[in-house]
Amino acid sequence: MGWRCIARYDRPVATASTIRSDSCSIQSLLFDERDSRPSVLPMEDIRRLVATRAPHHGLFPTRLDGVTLYRKATPSPRQPAVMPPLVNIVVQGTKYAYLDATTYRYGAGSYICAPTTLPIESEAPNASEEQPILGIQIMLNTRAITELLVDLNDHRPPRRPSPTEGPELAPTVVEWDDTFTTTLHQLLVLLDDDARRRALGRGRLRELLYLILTGPAGPPLWHTIGQSHDLNHTISFIRDHLDQPLAIDDLAQHASMSRPVFDRRFRRATSYAPLQFIKALRLNAAATLITQGSDITTAAYTVGYASSAQFSRDFKRHYGQPPKQWSRTADAREPTP
């Protein structure tokens, strides 16, 4: 039977419900892979459907806008990544994401929802050819969710997270219920039939997004995408202009805030000071480029460093290794955040 508990994984671990330790947020969400809930048969079929459409390690885009299936068949150590606004639904295996002092563990029968672009670290220590991680990514910058939010304009939005519940724009880990399982299954079975996909696909996707918006992950989504969170546009601007100089005073003006208010609101929303966030995003983006085969100098300039020497110093301070040494041990490109 599905179960959950507060646990540690060599460090603070994250989950759908949060408690506070002395210095950081602790969450945990564990799953019995033998799942015997009433939805077990759809769950088994969901695994089969994803495994069939993602036959080997990698990403497999579908013909539904923003929906991608994936298989991860090799283990990866903890390493930097940039998580875009998305929902990552896991149907087999377990992954970890790290943001600041919080660890997010999400496994079969759960999803992680990121409402905005975030510099994280990810880990998949147990993926293998025999037991790959299987899942579905749904991007949150698509027309489908925008249209849904417009249609829900008269709906009372969920309560905005309070500062004591952690950063406003932090990811949320959610365990599926039977309604979510059934809706996901109904969406996946359409992918084999072009006529049914064209006729019903957008509606099924919309229903799944509705469940996400009205579930535990809904409040931060509603207050970013749905109500144009005052910092979400600024974070998108940072992400799209990493290769250019980014002055904090200019960003505060972009957000229509004074510098002190901007600094305070940014830290409350992301757990990072603005300058710290920009540096982390740049270094994680550069690390991703290096794992994809970019040389160190090109990666440094691509993310806005004017000096490769300064980049190397910052990289070593952030990751504990100079980029050249780190690149020798970097894992192959990750198919999931």
Protein backbone atom coordinates (compact mmCIF):
# COMPACT_ATOMS: atom_id res chain seq x y z
CA MET A 1 0.00 0.00 0.00
CA GLY A 2 1.27 3.49 -0.77
CA TRP A 3 2.82 5.16 2.28
CA ARG A 4 4.75 8.24 3.23
CA CYS A 5 6.99 9.23 6.12
CA ILE A 6 9.47 11.83 7.23
CA ALA A 7 12.93 10.48 6.49
CA ARG A 8 16.52 11.42 5.83
CA TYR A 9 18.65 10.59 2.82
CA ASP A 10 22.04 11.56 4.23
CA ARG A 11 20.69 15.12 4.37
CA PRO A 12 17.37 16.96 4.74
CA VAL A 13 14.78 15.40 2.45
CA ALA A 14 11.69 17.05 0.93
CA THR A 15 8.00 16.05 0.44
CA ALA A 16 4.44 17.13 -0.10
CA SER A 17 4.17 18.21 3.54
CA THR A 18 6.92 20.27 5.10
CA ILE A 19 8.34 20.48 8.61
CA ARG A 20 11.20 22.57 9.89
CA SER A 21 14.48 21.38 11.37
CA ASP A 22 17.01 23.66 13.05
CA SER A 23 18.34 25.07 9.81
CA CYS A 24 16.43 23.85 6.80
CA SER A 25 13.22 22.54 5.34
CA ILE A 26 12.67 18.76 5.44
CA GLN A 27 10.28 17.01 3.14
CA SER A 28 9.88 13.35 2.21
CA LEU A 29 7.68 11.26 -0.02
CA LEU A 30 8.34 7.52 -0.17
CA PHE A 31 6.51 4.97 -2.24
CA ASP A 32 5.96 1.26 -2.15
CA GLU A 33 6.76 0.19 -5.73
CA ARG A 34 4.42 -2.81 -5.23
CA ASP A 35 1.56 -0.29 -5.00
CA SER A 36 -1.70 -2.05 -4.15
CA ARG A 37 -4.03 0.96 -4.27
CA PRO A 38 -7.23 0.65 -6.36
CA SER A 39 -5.38 2.37 -9.23
CA VAL A 40 -2.73 -0.36 -9.48
CA LEU A 41 -3.95 -1.70 -12.83
CA PRO A 42 -3.93 1.73 -14.55
CA MET A 43 -0.51 2.34 -12.94
CA GLU A 44 0.89 -0.85 -14.43
CA ASP A 45 -0.54 0.08 -17.81
CA ILE A 46 0.89 3.62 -17.51
CA ARG A 47 4.36 2.14 -16.98
CA ARG A 48 3.90 -0.10 -20.00
CA LEU A 49 2.67 2.76 -22.19
CA VAL A 50 5.63 5.00 -21.28
CA ALA A 51 8.15 2.15 -21.63
CA THR A 52 6.83 1.33 -25.09
CA ARG A 53 7.01 4.94 -26.32
CA ALA A 54 10.38 5.62 -24.67
CA PRO A 55 12.25 2.49 -25.78
CA HIS A 56 15.78 3.62 -24.86
CA HIS A 57 17.61 6.27 -22.84
CA GLY A 58 16.53 9.76 -23.86
CA LEU A 59 13.67 12.19 -24.45
CA PHE A 60 10.73 11.35 -26.72
CA PRO A 61 8.49 14.34 -27.64
CA THR A 62 4.85 13.55 -28.37
CA ARG A 63 2.45 15.35 -30.70
CA LEU A 64 0.78 17.02 -27.73
CA ASP A 65 2.21 20.49 -27.15
CA GLY A 66 4.73 20.49 -24.29
CA VAL A 67 4.39 16.77 -23.45
CA THR A 68 7.52 14.59 -23.58
CA LEU A 69 8.13 11.01 -22.42
CA TYR A 70 11.53 9.94 -21.14
CA ARG A 71 13.61 6.97 -20.08
CA LYS A 72 16.75 7.28 -17.95
CA ALA A 73 18.75 4.06 -18.10
CA THR A 74 22.05 5.15 -16.51
CA PRO A 75 22.73 6.35 -12.96
CA SER A 76 23.91 9.91 -12.40
CA PRO A 77 25.54 11.55 -9.40
CA ARG A 78 24.36 14.80 -7.89
CA GLN A 79 25.05 17.47 -10.48
CA PRO A 80 23.89 20.95 -11.55
CA ALA A 81 20.86 21.54 -13.75
CA VAL A 82 18.43 24.28 -14.66
CA MET A 83 14.82 23.30 -13.99
CA PRO A 84 12.37 25.14 -16.28
CA PRO A 85 8.69 25.62 -15.41
CA LEU A 86 7.35 22.07 -15.73
CA VAL A 87 5.61 19.11 -14.19
CA ASN A 88 7.79 15.99 -14.09
CA ILE A 89 5.63 12.89 -13.55
CA VAL A 90 7.53 9.75 -12.51
CA VAL A 91 5.99 6.35 -13.30
CA GLN A 92 8.99 4.17 -12.38
CA GLY A 93 12.11 4.77 -10.32
CA THR A 94 13.14 7.64 -8.06
CA LYS A 95 14.87 10.98 -8.63
CA TYR A 96 16.17 13.73 -6.36
CA ALA A 97 16.32 17.48 -6.85
CA TYR A 98 18.15 19.90 -4.54
CA LEU A 99 17.38 23.57 -4.07
CA ASP A 100 19.27 25.49 -1.42
CA ALA A 101 18.94 23.41 1.81
CA THR A 102 15.98 21.29 0.67
CA THR A 103 16.01 17.87 -0.98
CA TYR A 104 13.02 16.87 -3.13
CA ARG A 105 12.55 13.12 -3.54
CA TYR A 106 10.02 12.11 -6.18
CA GLY A 107 9.34 8.55 -7.23
CA ALA A 108 6.81 6.33 -8.94
CA GLY A 109 3.32 7.64 -8.29
CA SER A 110 4.36 11.25 -7.71
CA TYR A 111 5.26 14.39 -9.62
CA ILE A 112 7.37 17.45 -9.00
CA CYS A 113 6.03 20.81 -10.13
CA ALA A 114 8.34 23.81 -10.68
CA PRO A 115 6.45 27.08 -11.20
CA THR A 116 9.43 29.02 -12.56
CA THR A 117 13.02 28.56 -13.76
CA LEU A 118 15.27 27.47 -10.89
CA PRO A 119 18.98 26.58 -10.51
CA ILE A 120 18.93 23.14 -8.92
CA GLU A 121 21.03 20.01 -8.63
CA SER A 122 19.64 16.64 -9.64
CA GLU A 123 20.52 13.04 -8.86
CA ALA A 124 19.41 9.61 -10.05
CA PRO A 125 21.68 7.12 -8.26
CA ASN A 126 19.74 3.92 -8.99
CA ALA A 127 18.76 4.21 -12.67
CA SER A 128 19.85 1.27 -14.80
CA GLU A 129 19.05 -0.59 -18.02
CA GLU A 130 17.18 -3.20 -15.97
CA GLN A 131 15.31 -0.65 -13.83
CA PRO A 132 15.18 2.64 -15.76
CA ILE A 133 13.46 5.77 -14.57
CA LEU A 134 10.36 6.33 -16.69
CA GLY A 135 8.30 9.48 -16.77
CA ILE A 136 6.43 12.29 -18.49
CA GLN A 137 7.39 15.96 -18.65
CA ILE A 138 4.72 18.61 -19.16
CA MET A 139 6.06 22.11 -19.83
CA LEU A 140 4.18 24.96 -18.17
CA ASN A 141 4.93 27.70 -20.70
CA THR A 142 2.45 26.42 -23.27
CA ARG A 143 -0.81 27.70 -24.71
CA ALA A 144 -2.80 24.93 -22.99
CA ILE A 145 -2.17 26.12 -19.44
CA THR A 146 -2.52 29.79 -20.39
CA GLU A 147 -5.95 29.15 -21.94
CA LEU A 148 -7.01 27.08 -18.92
CA LEU A 149 -6.06 29.87 -16.51
CA VAL A 150 -7.99 32.41 -18.59
CA ASP A 151 -11.08 30.18 -18.41
CA LEU A 152 -10.60 29.83 -14.64
CA ASN A 153 -10.39 33.58 -14.19
CA ASP A 154 -13.55 33.66 -12.05
CA HIS A 155 -12.41 30.72 -9.93
CA ARG A 156 -11.10 31.67 -6.50
CA PRO A 157 -7.35 30.99 -6.57
CA PRO A 158 -5.76 28.79 -3.90
CA ARG A 159 -4.21 30.47 -0.89
CA ARG A 160 -0.77 31.92 -1.59
CA PRO A 161 1.98 30.08 0.31
CA SER A 162 3.11 31.90 3.44
CA PRO A 163 6.81 32.64 4.08
CA THR A 164 6.88 30.01 6.86
CA GLU A 165 6.04 27.31 4.30
CA GLY A 166 9.23 27.92 2.36
CA PRO A 167 10.07 29.93 -0.77
CA GLU A 168 6.99 30.99 -2.73
CA LEU A 169 8.39 29.72 -6.03
CA ALA A 170 9.97 26.49 -4.75
CA PRO A 171 9.02 23.16 -6.38
CA THR A 172 6.24 21.03 -4.91
CA VAL A 173 6.23 17.23 -4.69
CA VAL A 174 2.76 15.67 -4.94
CA GLU A 175 1.56 12.07 -4.66
CA TRP A 176 -1.03 11.07 -7.25
CA ASP A 177 -4.55 10.19 -6.24
CA ASP A 178 -6.79 7.82 -8.20
CA THR A 179 -8.36 10.63 -10.22
CA PHE A 180 -4.94 11.83 -11.38
CA THR A 181 -3.89 8.24 -12.21
CA THR A 182 -6.99 7.63 -14.29
CA THR A 183 -6.69 10.96 -16.14
CA LEU A 184 -3.01 10.38 -16.92
CA HIS A 185 -3.83 6.90 -18.22
CA GLN A 186 -6.59 8.27 -20.44
CA LEU A 187 -4.16 10.81 -21.88
CA LEU A 188 -1.44 8.27 -22.65
CA VAL A 189 -3.71 5.77 -24.40
CA LEU A 190 -4.57 8.43 -27.00
CA LEU A 191 -0.99 8.63 -28.27
CA ASP A 192 -1.31 5.48 -30.40
CA ASP A 193 -4.37 6.73 -32.29
CA ASP A 194 -3.87 9.91 -34.34
CA ALA A 195 -7.59 10.50 -34.85
CA ARG A 196 -8.41 10.20 -31.15
CA ARG A 197 -5.37 12.28 -30.19
CA ARG A 198 -6.42 15.11 -32.52
CA ALA A 199 -10.02 14.96 -31.30
CA LEU A 200 -9.47 14.38 -27.59
CA GLY A 201 -5.81 15.03 -26.78
CA ARG A 202 -6.03 18.72 -25.87
CA GLY A 203 -9.06 18.07 -23.67
CA ARG A 204 -7.35 15.24 -21.78
CA LEU A 205 -4.22 17.35 -21.29
CA ARG A 206 -6.36 20.24 -20.10
CA GLU A 207 -8.07 17.94 -17.56
CA LEU A 208 -4.69 16.81 -16.21
CA LEU A 209 -3.48 20.41 -15.93
CA TYR A 210 -6.71 21.29 -14.12
CA LEU A 211 -5.99 18.60 -11.51
CA ILE A 212 -2.49 20.02 -11.03
CA LEU A 213 -3.74 23.61 -10.74
CA THR A 214 -6.39 22.68 -8.18
CA GLY A 215 -4.13 20.31 -6.24
CA PRO A 216 -1.29 20.87 -3.72
CA ALA A 217 1.00 22.33 -6.40
CA GLY A 218 -1.65 24.82 -7.50
CA PRO A 219 -1.00 27.88 -5.28
CA PRO A 220 2.50 28.75 -6.54
CA LEU A 221 1.43 28.04 -10.14
CA TRP A 222 -1.65 30.22 -9.83
CA HIS A 223 0.34 33.07 -8.38
CA THR A 224 3.08 32.89 -11.02
CA ILE A 225 1.56 31.93 -14.36
CA GLY A 226 -2.04 32.76 -13.45
CA GLN A 227 -1.60 36.13 -11.82
CA SER A 228 1.71 37.25 -13.31
CA HIS A 229 3.77 36.99 -10.12
CA ASP A 230 5.72 40.21 -9.81
CA LEU A 231 9.03 38.32 -9.88
CA ASN A 232 8.21 35.59 -12.41
CA HIS A 233 8.73 37.93 -15.37
CA THR A 234 12.01 39.09 -13.83
CA ILE A 235 13.24 35.51 -13.44
CA SER A 236 12.27 34.79 -17.05
CA PHE A 237 14.17 37.92 -18.10
CA ILE A 238 17.27 36.74 -16.19
CA ARG A 239 17.04 33.28 -17.79
CA ASP A 240 16.76 34.74 -21.30
CA HIS A 241 19.59 37.28 -20.83
CA LEU A 242 22.28 35.34 -18.99
CA ASP A 243 24.79 36.31 -21.69
CA GLN A 244 24.31 40.02 -20.95
CA PRO A 245 25.24 42.23 -17.96
CA LEU A 246 22.50 42.05 -15.31
CA ALA A 247 22.49 44.89 -12.77
CA ILE A 248 20.35 44.34 -9.67
CA ASP A 249 19.14 47.95 -9.69
CA ASP A 250 17.92 47.50 -13.29
CA LEU A 251 16.15 44.26 -12.35
CA ALA A 252 14.44 45.99 -9.42
CA GLN A 253 13.25 48.69 -11.79
CA HIS A 254 12.08 45.99 -14.23
CA ALA A 255 9.96 44.56 -11.37
CA SER A 256 8.70 48.06 -10.41
CA MET A 257 10.19 47.82 -6.92
CA SER A 258 12.72 49.70 -4.85
CA ARG A 259 16.03 47.90 -4.42
CA PRO A 260 15.42 46.96 -0.73
CA VAL A 261 11.92 45.66 -1.47
CA PHE A 262 13.20 43.75 -4.52
CA ASP A 263 15.99 42.10 -2.50
CA ARG A 264 13.56 41.09 0.25
CA ARG A 265 10.84 39.79 -2.10
CA PHE A 266 13.32 37.91 -4.30
CA ARG A 267 14.84 36.07 -1.35
CA ARG A 268 11.38 35.22 0.01
CA ALA A 269 10.28 33.87 -3.38
CA THR A 270 13.38 31.84 -4.30
CA SER A 271 15.50 31.52 -1.10
CA TYR A 272 18.32 33.25 -3.03
CA ALA A 273 19.56 36.82 -2.96
CA PRO A 274 19.27 38.22 -6.53
CA LEU A 275 23.02 38.21 -7.22
CA GLN A 276 23.37 34.73 -5.76
CA PHE A 277 20.50 33.50 -7.95
CA ILE A 278 22.04 34.95 -11.12
CA LYS A 279 25.41 33.38 -10.35
CA ALA A 280 23.86 29.98 -9.56
CA LEU A 281 21.77 30.06 -12.75
CA ARG A 282 24.82 31.01 -14.84
CA LEU A 283 27.02 28.30 -13.34
CA ASN A 284 24.34 25.59 -13.66
CA ALA A 285 23.66 26.60 -17.27
CA ALA A 286 27.40 26.51 -18.02
CA ALA A 287 27.75 23.10 -16.37
CA THR A 288 24.91 21.80 -18.54
CA LEU A 289 26.65 23.14 -21.66
CA ILE A 290 29.88 21.41 -20.62
CA THR A 291 28.10 18.06 -20.18
CA GLN A 292 26.73 18.55 -23.71
CA GLY A 293 30.25 18.89 -25.10
CA SER A 294 30.95 22.63 -24.99
CA ASP A 295 34.49 23.72 -24.19
CA ILE A 296 34.95 25.65 -20.95
CA THR A 297 35.73 29.05 -22.51
CA THR A 298 32.68 28.94 -24.79
CA ALA A 299 30.44 27.86 -21.91
CA ALA A 300 31.74 30.74 -19.74
CA TYR A 301 31.10 33.40 -22.39
CA THR A 302 27.70 31.93 -23.33
CA VAL A 303 26.38 32.47 -19.79
CA GLY A 304 27.76 35.99 -19.44
CA TYR A 305 31.27 35.68 -18.01
CA ALA A 306 33.72 38.14 -19.55
CA SER A 307 36.68 36.35 -17.98
CA SER A 308 37.24 32.59 -18.16
CA ALA A 309 39.57 32.91 -15.14
CA GLN A 310 36.76 34.42 -13.03
CA PHE A 311 34.42 31.72 -14.30
CA SER A 312 36.86 29.00 -13.20
CA ARG A 313 37.19 30.55 -9.74
CA ASP A 314 33.43 30.83 -9.28
CA PHE A 315 32.88 27.33 -10.64
CA LYS A 316 35.39 25.78 -8.22
CA ARG A 317 33.90 27.70 -5.29
CA HIS A 318 30.40 26.52 -6.23
CA TYR A 319 31.08 22.87 -7.19
CA GLY A 320 34.28 22.09 -5.33
CA GLN A 321 36.23 21.32 -8.52
CA PRO A 322 37.69 23.46 -11.32
CA PRO A 323 35.63 23.13 -14.52
CA LYS A 324 38.33 21.19 -16.36
CA GLN A 325 38.48 18.51 -13.68
CA TRP A 326 34.70 18.50 -13.30
CA SER A 327 34.20 18.05 -17.07
CA ARG A 328 36.22 14.81 -17.02
CA THR A 329 33.77 13.23 -14.63
CA ALA A 330 30.57 14.92 -15.84
CA ASP A 331 27.77 12.54 -16.66
CA ALA A 332 26.22 12.32 -20.12
CA ARG A 333 23.44 14.79 -20.82
CA GLU A 334 20.48 14.24 -18.50
CA PRO A 335 17.10 13.62 -20.16
CA THR A 336 15.29 14.96 -17.08
CA PRO A 337 15.81 17.89 -14.71
